[in-house]
Amino acid sequence: MDAGPIAFVRDGDLIRVDIAARSIDLLVDETELEARRTGWSPLPPRYTRGVLAKYSKLVKSAALGAVTG
């Protein structure tokens, strides 16, 4: 789990998409973002057996091309 800023987006948050800079920014105060991180833990895996469980363990993030090891 990356636990990047997208994990902490809430309804009503402003998000800036800058095509030229190839960036997406969550426009939330850093103290608010830190408060959202406190106590956060990733969801348990949806699949614990079978092909989808193996895939979810091996796949990389979308930023890395979502390829398997």
C-alpha atoms as a PDB file:
ATOM      1  CA  MET A   1       0.000   0.000   0.000  1.00  0.00           C
ATOM      2  CA  ASP A   2       1.323   3.387  -0.955  1.00  0.00           C
ATOM      3  CA  ALA A   3      -0.952   5.408   1.361  1.00  0.00           C
ATOM      4  CA  GLY A   4      -0.477   8.434  -0.847  1.00  0.00           C
ATOM      5  CA  PRO A   5      -2.686  11.524  -0.654  1.00  0.00           C
ATOM      6  CA  ILE A   6      -5.408   9.964  -2.807  1.00  0.00           C
ATOM      7  CA  ALA A   7      -6.140   7.557   0.051  1.00  0.00           C
ATOM      8  CA  PHE A   8      -7.263  10.515   2.155  1.00  0.00           C
ATOM      9  CA  VAL A   9      -9.520  12.389  -0.288  1.00  0.00           C
ATOM     10  CA  ARG A  10     -12.928  13.251   1.144  1.00  0.00           C
ATOM     11  CA  ASP A  11     -16.104  14.610  -0.422  1.00  0.00           C
ATOM     12  CA  GLY A  12     -15.757  18.321  -1.101  1.00  0.00           C
ATOM     13  CA  ASP A  13     -11.938  18.371  -1.269  1.00  0.00           C
ATOM     14  CA  LEU A  14     -10.411  20.445  -4.039  1.00  0.00           C
ATOM     15  CA  ILE A  15      -8.108  18.645  -6.450  1.00  0.00           C
ATOM     16  CA  ARG A  16      -5.894  20.398  -9.003  1.00  0.00           C
ATOM     17  CA  VAL A  17      -5.139  18.580 -12.252  1.00  0.00           C
ATOM     18  CA  ASP A  18      -2.225  20.124 -14.159  1.00  0.00           C
ATOM     19  CA  ILE A  19      -1.949  18.445 -17.543  1.00  0.00           C
ATOM     20  CA  ALA A  20       1.185  20.321 -18.600  1.00  0.00           C
ATOM     21  CA  ALA A  21       3.028  19.412 -15.393  1.00  0.00           C
ATOM     22  CA  ARG A  22       1.510  15.907 -15.399  1.00  0.00           C
ATOM     23  CA  SER A  23       0.456  16.240 -11.774  1.00  0.00           C
ATOM     24  CA  ILE A  24      -2.595  15.837  -9.568  1.00  0.00           C
ATOM     25  CA  ASP A  25      -2.581  17.704  -6.247  1.00  0.00           C
ATOM     26  CA  LEU A  26      -4.897  17.415  -3.276  1.00  0.00           C
ATOM     27  CA  LEU A  27      -5.505  20.979  -2.092  1.00  0.00           C
ATOM     28  CA  VAL A  28      -5.853  20.256   1.614  1.00  0.00           C
ATOM     29  CA  ASP A  29      -3.915  21.888   4.439  1.00  0.00           C
ATOM     30  CA  GLU A  30      -0.950  19.758   5.536  1.00  0.00           C
ATOM     31  CA  THR A  31      -2.175  19.642   9.155  1.00  0.00           C
ATOM     32  CA  GLU A  32      -5.568  18.363   7.980  1.00  0.00           C
ATOM     33  CA  LEU A  33      -3.885  15.758   5.799  1.00  0.00           C
ATOM     34  CA  GLU A  34      -1.732  14.627   8.727  1.00  0.00           C
ATOM     35  CA  ALA A  35      -4.850  14.325  10.909  1.00  0.00           C
ATOM     36  CA  ARG A  36      -6.429  12.102   8.259  1.00  0.00           C
ATOM     37  CA  ARG A  37      -3.327   9.896   8.204  1.00  0.00           C
ATOM     38  CA  THR A  38      -3.498   9.336  11.968  1.00  0.00           C
ATOM     39  CA  GLY A  39      -5.104   6.034  12.733  1.00  0.00           C
ATOM     40  CA  TRP A  40      -5.298   4.999   9.073  1.00  0.00           C
ATOM     41  CA  SER A  41      -4.710   1.393   8.164  1.00  0.00           C
ATOM     42  CA  PRO A  42      -5.127  -0.354   4.807  1.00  0.00           C
ATOM     43  CA  LEU A  43      -8.215  -2.416   4.123  1.00  0.00           C
ATOM     44  CA  PRO A  44      -7.799  -6.163   4.492  1.00  0.00           C
ATOM     45  CA  PRO A  45      -7.384  -8.032   1.202  1.00  0.00           C
ATOM     46  CA  ARG A  46     -10.677  -8.826  -0.505  1.00  0.00           C
ATOM     47  CA  TYR A  47      -9.345 -12.093  -1.886  1.00  0.00           C
ATOM     48  CA  THR A  48      -7.229 -14.401   0.244  1.00  0.00           C
ATOM     49  CA  ARG A  49      -7.162 -17.469  -2.010  1.00  0.00           C
ATOM     50  CA  GLY A  50      -7.023 -18.210  -5.695  1.00  0.00           C
ATOM     51  CA  VAL A  51      -5.842 -16.350  -8.758  1.00  0.00           C
ATOM     52  CA  LEU A  52      -7.083 -12.917  -7.682  1.00  0.00           C
ATOM     53  CA  ALA A  53      -5.285 -13.234  -4.341  1.00  0.00           C
ATOM     54  CA  LYS A  54      -2.036 -14.058  -6.133  1.00  0.00           C
ATOM     55  CA  TYR A  55      -2.541 -11.199  -8.577  1.00  0.00           C
ATOM     56  CA  SER A  56      -3.224  -8.652  -5.829  1.00  0.00           C
ATOM     57  CA  LYS A  57      -0.024  -9.667  -4.042  1.00  0.00           C
ATOM     58  CA  LEU A  58       2.125  -9.434  -7.177  1.00  0.00           C
ATOM     59  CA  VAL A  59       0.779  -6.416  -9.060  1.00  0.00           C
ATOM     60  CA  LYS A  60       2.598  -3.089  -8.812  1.00  0.00           C
ATOM     61  CA  SER A  61       0.916   0.306  -8.505  1.00  0.00           C
ATOM     62  CA  ALA A  62      -0.610   2.015 -11.543  1.00  0.00           C
ATOM     63  CA  ALA A  63       2.196   4.585 -11.432  1.00  0.00           C
ATOM     64  CA  LEU A  64       4.616   1.749 -12.150  1.00  0.00           C
ATOM     65  CA  GLY A  65       2.532   0.318 -14.970  1.00  0.00           C
ATOM     66  CA  ALA A  66       0.425  -2.126 -12.926  1.00  0.00           C
ATOM     67  CA  VAL A  67       2.633  -4.995 -14.036  1.00  0.00           C
ATOM     68  CA  THR A  68       3.277  -8.161 -12.087  1.00  0.00           C
ATOM     69  CA  GLY A  69       6.737  -9.019 -10.727  1.00  0.00           C
END
